[in-house]
Amino acid sequence: MIKLLYYFCQTYLIPQARKSAGITEEQVAIHDPSLSLLIKSYCRESGVRNLQKHIEKVRDKLWC
């Protein structure tokens, strides 16, 4: 399940958060260890809604 969340986060959630903040991948990147820690520590349910909320929190604190 972690691999699926990781893949979904890399291909959909992070690009969507970048687009909404108006930044590029070169400006800010979430590295693999950070993303794995986020998924393992904060996203205990199997859905992606909670993961999306955490990605948005990171975006709000760091990118905007």
N, C-alpha and C. Protein backbone atom coordinates (compact mmCIF):
# COMPACT_ATOMS: atom_id res chain seq x y z
N MET A 1 0.82 -1.19 0.00
CA MET A 1 0.00 0.00 0.00
C MET A 1 0.87 1.26 0.00
N ILE A 2 2.01 1.22 0.67
CA ILE A 2 2.88 2.39 0.72
C ILE A 2 3.41 2.72 -0.67
N LYS A 3 3.74 1.69 -1.45
CA LYS A 3 4.23 1.93 -2.81
C LYS A 3 3.17 2.59 -3.68
N LEU A 4 1.94 2.17 -3.50
CA LEU A 4 0.84 2.75 -4.26
C LEU A 4 0.64 4.22 -3.88
N LEU A 5 0.65 4.51 -2.59
CA LEU A 5 0.52 5.90 -2.14
C LEU A 5 1.69 6.74 -2.62
N TYR A 6 2.88 6.18 -2.58
CA TYR A 6 4.07 6.88 -3.03
C TYR A 6 3.96 7.23 -4.52
N TYR A 7 3.56 6.25 -5.32
CA TYR A 7 3.41 6.47 -6.76
C TYR A 7 2.34 7.52 -7.04
N PHE A 8 1.21 7.43 -6.37
CA PHE A 8 0.12 8.37 -6.59
C PHE A 8 0.53 9.77 -6.17
N CYS A 9 1.27 9.85 -5.09
CA CYS A 9 1.73 11.16 -4.61
C CYS A 9 2.70 11.78 -5.60
N GLN A 10 3.64 11.01 -6.13
CA GLN A 10 4.62 11.52 -7.07
C GLN A 10 4.00 11.91 -8.41
N THR A 11 3.01 11.15 -8.86
CA THR A 11 2.47 11.40 -10.19
C THR A 11 1.28 12.35 -10.20
N TYR A 12 0.59 12.50 -9.08
CA TYR A 12 -0.61 13.33 -9.10
C TYR A 12 -0.63 14.42 -8.03
N LEU A 13 -0.45 14.05 -6.77
CA LEU A 13 -0.65 15.02 -5.68
C LEU A 13 0.40 16.13 -5.66
N ILE A 14 1.67 15.78 -5.79
CA ILE A 14 2.72 16.79 -5.75
C ILE A 14 2.65 17.71 -6.97
N PRO A 15 2.51 17.18 -8.19
CA PRO A 15 2.36 18.10 -9.33
C PRO A 15 1.13 19.00 -9.22
N GLN A 16 0.05 18.49 -8.67
CA GLN A 16 -1.15 19.30 -8.49
C GLN A 16 -0.88 20.43 -7.48
N ALA A 17 -0.17 20.12 -6.40
CA ALA A 17 0.15 21.13 -5.39
C ALA A 17 1.10 22.18 -5.97
N ARG A 18 2.06 21.73 -6.79
CA ARG A 18 2.97 22.69 -7.44
C ARG A 18 2.20 23.63 -8.36
N LYS A 19 1.31 23.05 -9.13
CA LYS A 19 0.54 23.86 -10.09
C LYS A 19 -0.33 24.89 -9.37
N SER A 20 -0.96 24.49 -8.29
CA SER A 20 -1.82 25.42 -7.56
C SER A 20 -1.01 26.53 -6.88
N ALA A 21 0.26 26.24 -6.56
CA ALA A 21 1.11 27.26 -5.95
C ALA A 21 1.85 28.09 -7.00
N GLY A 22 1.82 27.63 -8.25
CA GLY A 22 2.48 28.38 -9.32
C GLY A 22 3.98 28.27 -9.32
N ILE A 23 4.51 27.10 -8.94
CA ILE A 23 5.96 26.90 -8.91
C ILE A 23 6.33 25.73 -9.80
N THR A 24 7.62 25.62 -10.09
CA THR A 24 8.11 24.52 -10.91
C THR A 24 8.84 23.49 -10.05
N GLU A 25 9.14 22.37 -10.67
CA GLU A 25 9.85 21.31 -9.95
C GLU A 25 11.27 21.73 -9.57
N GLU A 26 11.87 22.61 -10.37
CA GLU A 26 13.22 23.07 -10.08
C GLU A 26 13.27 23.98 -8.86
N GLN A 27 12.18 24.65 -8.56
CA GLN A 27 12.17 25.58 -7.43
C GLN A 27 12.09 24.85 -6.10
N VAL A 28 11.22 23.85 -6.00
CA VAL A 28 11.04 23.09 -4.76
C VAL A 28 10.77 21.64 -5.11
N ALA A 29 11.43 20.75 -4.38
CA ALA A 29 11.22 19.32 -4.60
C ALA A 29 11.05 18.62 -3.26
N ILE A 30 10.21 17.62 -3.22
CA ILE A 30 10.09 16.76 -2.05
C ILE A 30 10.87 15.50 -2.37
N HIS A 31 11.92 15.24 -1.62
CA HIS A 31 12.79 14.10 -1.89
C HIS A 31 12.17 12.81 -1.36
N ASP A 32 12.65 11.70 -1.88
CA ASP A 32 12.09 10.39 -1.58
C ASP A 32 12.04 10.07 -0.08
N PRO A 33 13.12 10.28 0.69
CA PRO A 33 13.04 9.97 2.12
C PRO A 33 11.98 10.80 2.85
N SER A 34 11.85 12.06 2.46
CA SER A 34 10.84 12.91 3.10
C SER A 34 9.43 12.44 2.78
N LEU A 35 9.21 12.07 1.54
CA LEU A 35 7.90 11.59 1.13
C LEU A 35 7.56 10.27 1.81
N SER A 36 8.52 9.38 1.89
CA SER A 36 8.30 8.10 2.58
C SER A 36 7.96 8.31 4.05
N LEU A 37 8.67 9.22 4.70
CA LEU A 37 8.40 9.53 6.10
C LEU A 37 7.00 10.12 6.28
N LEU A 38 6.62 11.00 5.38
CA LEU A 38 5.29 11.59 5.43
C LEU A 38 4.21 10.52 5.31
N ILE A 39 4.38 9.61 4.37
CA ILE A 39 3.40 8.55 4.16
C ILE A 39 3.34 7.61 5.36
N LYS A 40 4.50 7.18 5.85
CA LYS A 40 4.53 6.22 6.95
C LYS A 40 4.06 6.81 8.27
N SER A 41 4.38 8.06 8.53
CA SER A 41 4.11 8.65 9.83
C SER A 41 2.75 9.31 9.95
N TYR A 42 2.30 9.94 8.90
CA TYR A 42 1.10 10.76 9.01
C TYR A 42 -0.12 10.23 8.27
N CYS A 43 0.05 9.25 7.43
CA CYS A 43 -1.07 8.77 6.62
C CYS A 43 -1.35 7.31 6.97
N ARG A 44 -2.11 7.13 8.00
CA ARG A 44 -2.35 5.77 8.49
C ARG A 44 -3.53 5.09 7.82
N GLU A 45 -4.40 5.85 7.21
CA GLU A 45 -5.52 5.22 6.52
C GLU A 45 -5.12 4.93 5.08
N SER A 46 -5.87 4.06 4.44
CA SER A 46 -5.49 3.61 3.11
C SER A 46 -5.85 4.59 2.00
N GLY A 47 -6.70 5.56 2.27
CA GLY A 47 -7.11 6.51 1.25
C GLY A 47 -6.08 7.60 1.01
N VAL A 48 -6.31 8.37 -0.04
CA VAL A 48 -5.36 9.43 -0.38
C VAL A 48 -5.83 10.79 0.09
N ARG A 49 -7.02 10.90 0.61
CA ARG A 49 -7.53 12.21 1.04
C ARG A 49 -6.67 12.79 2.17
N ASN A 50 -6.31 11.98 3.12
CA ASN A 50 -5.47 12.44 4.23
C ASN A 50 -4.08 12.80 3.73
N LEU A 51 -3.55 12.01 2.80
CA LEU A 51 -2.24 12.30 2.22
C LEU A 51 -2.28 13.62 1.46
N GLN A 52 -3.34 13.87 0.74
CA GLN A 52 -3.48 15.12 0.01
C GLN A 52 -3.50 16.31 0.96
N LYS A 53 -4.18 16.17 2.09
CA LYS A 53 -4.21 17.26 3.07
C LYS A 53 -2.82 17.56 3.61
N HIS A 54 -2.02 16.52 3.84
CA HIS A 54 -0.67 16.73 4.36
C HIS A 54 0.24 17.36 3.31
N ILE A 55 0.10 16.96 2.06
CA ILE A 55 0.86 17.58 0.98
C ILE A 55 0.50 19.06 0.87
N GLU A 56 -0.78 19.37 1.00
CA GLU A 56 -1.21 20.77 0.95
C GLU A 56 -0.67 21.57 2.13
N LYS A 57 -0.56 20.95 3.31
CA LYS A 57 0.03 21.64 4.45
C LYS A 57 1.49 21.95 4.21
N VAL A 58 2.21 21.01 3.63
CA VAL A 58 3.62 21.24 3.30
C VAL A 58 3.72 22.36 2.28
N ARG A 59 2.87 22.32 1.27
CA ARG A 59 2.86 23.37 0.26
C ARG A 59 2.61 24.74 0.88
N ASP A 60 1.64 24.81 1.77
CA ASP A 60 1.30 26.09 2.39
C ASP A 60 2.43 26.62 3.26
N LYS A 61 3.14 25.74 3.95
CA LYS A 61 4.20 26.19 4.84
C LYS A 61 5.49 26.51 4.10
N LEU A 62 5.79 25.79 3.04
CA LEU A 62 7.07 25.97 2.39
C LEU A 62 7.00 26.73 1.07
N TRP A 63 5.98 26.49 0.29
CA TRP A 63 5.97 27.00 -1.07
C TRP A 63 5.32 28.35 -1.21
N CYS A 64 4.39 28.69 -0.37
CA CYS A 64 3.65 29.95 -0.57
C CYS A 64 4.12 31.02 0.38
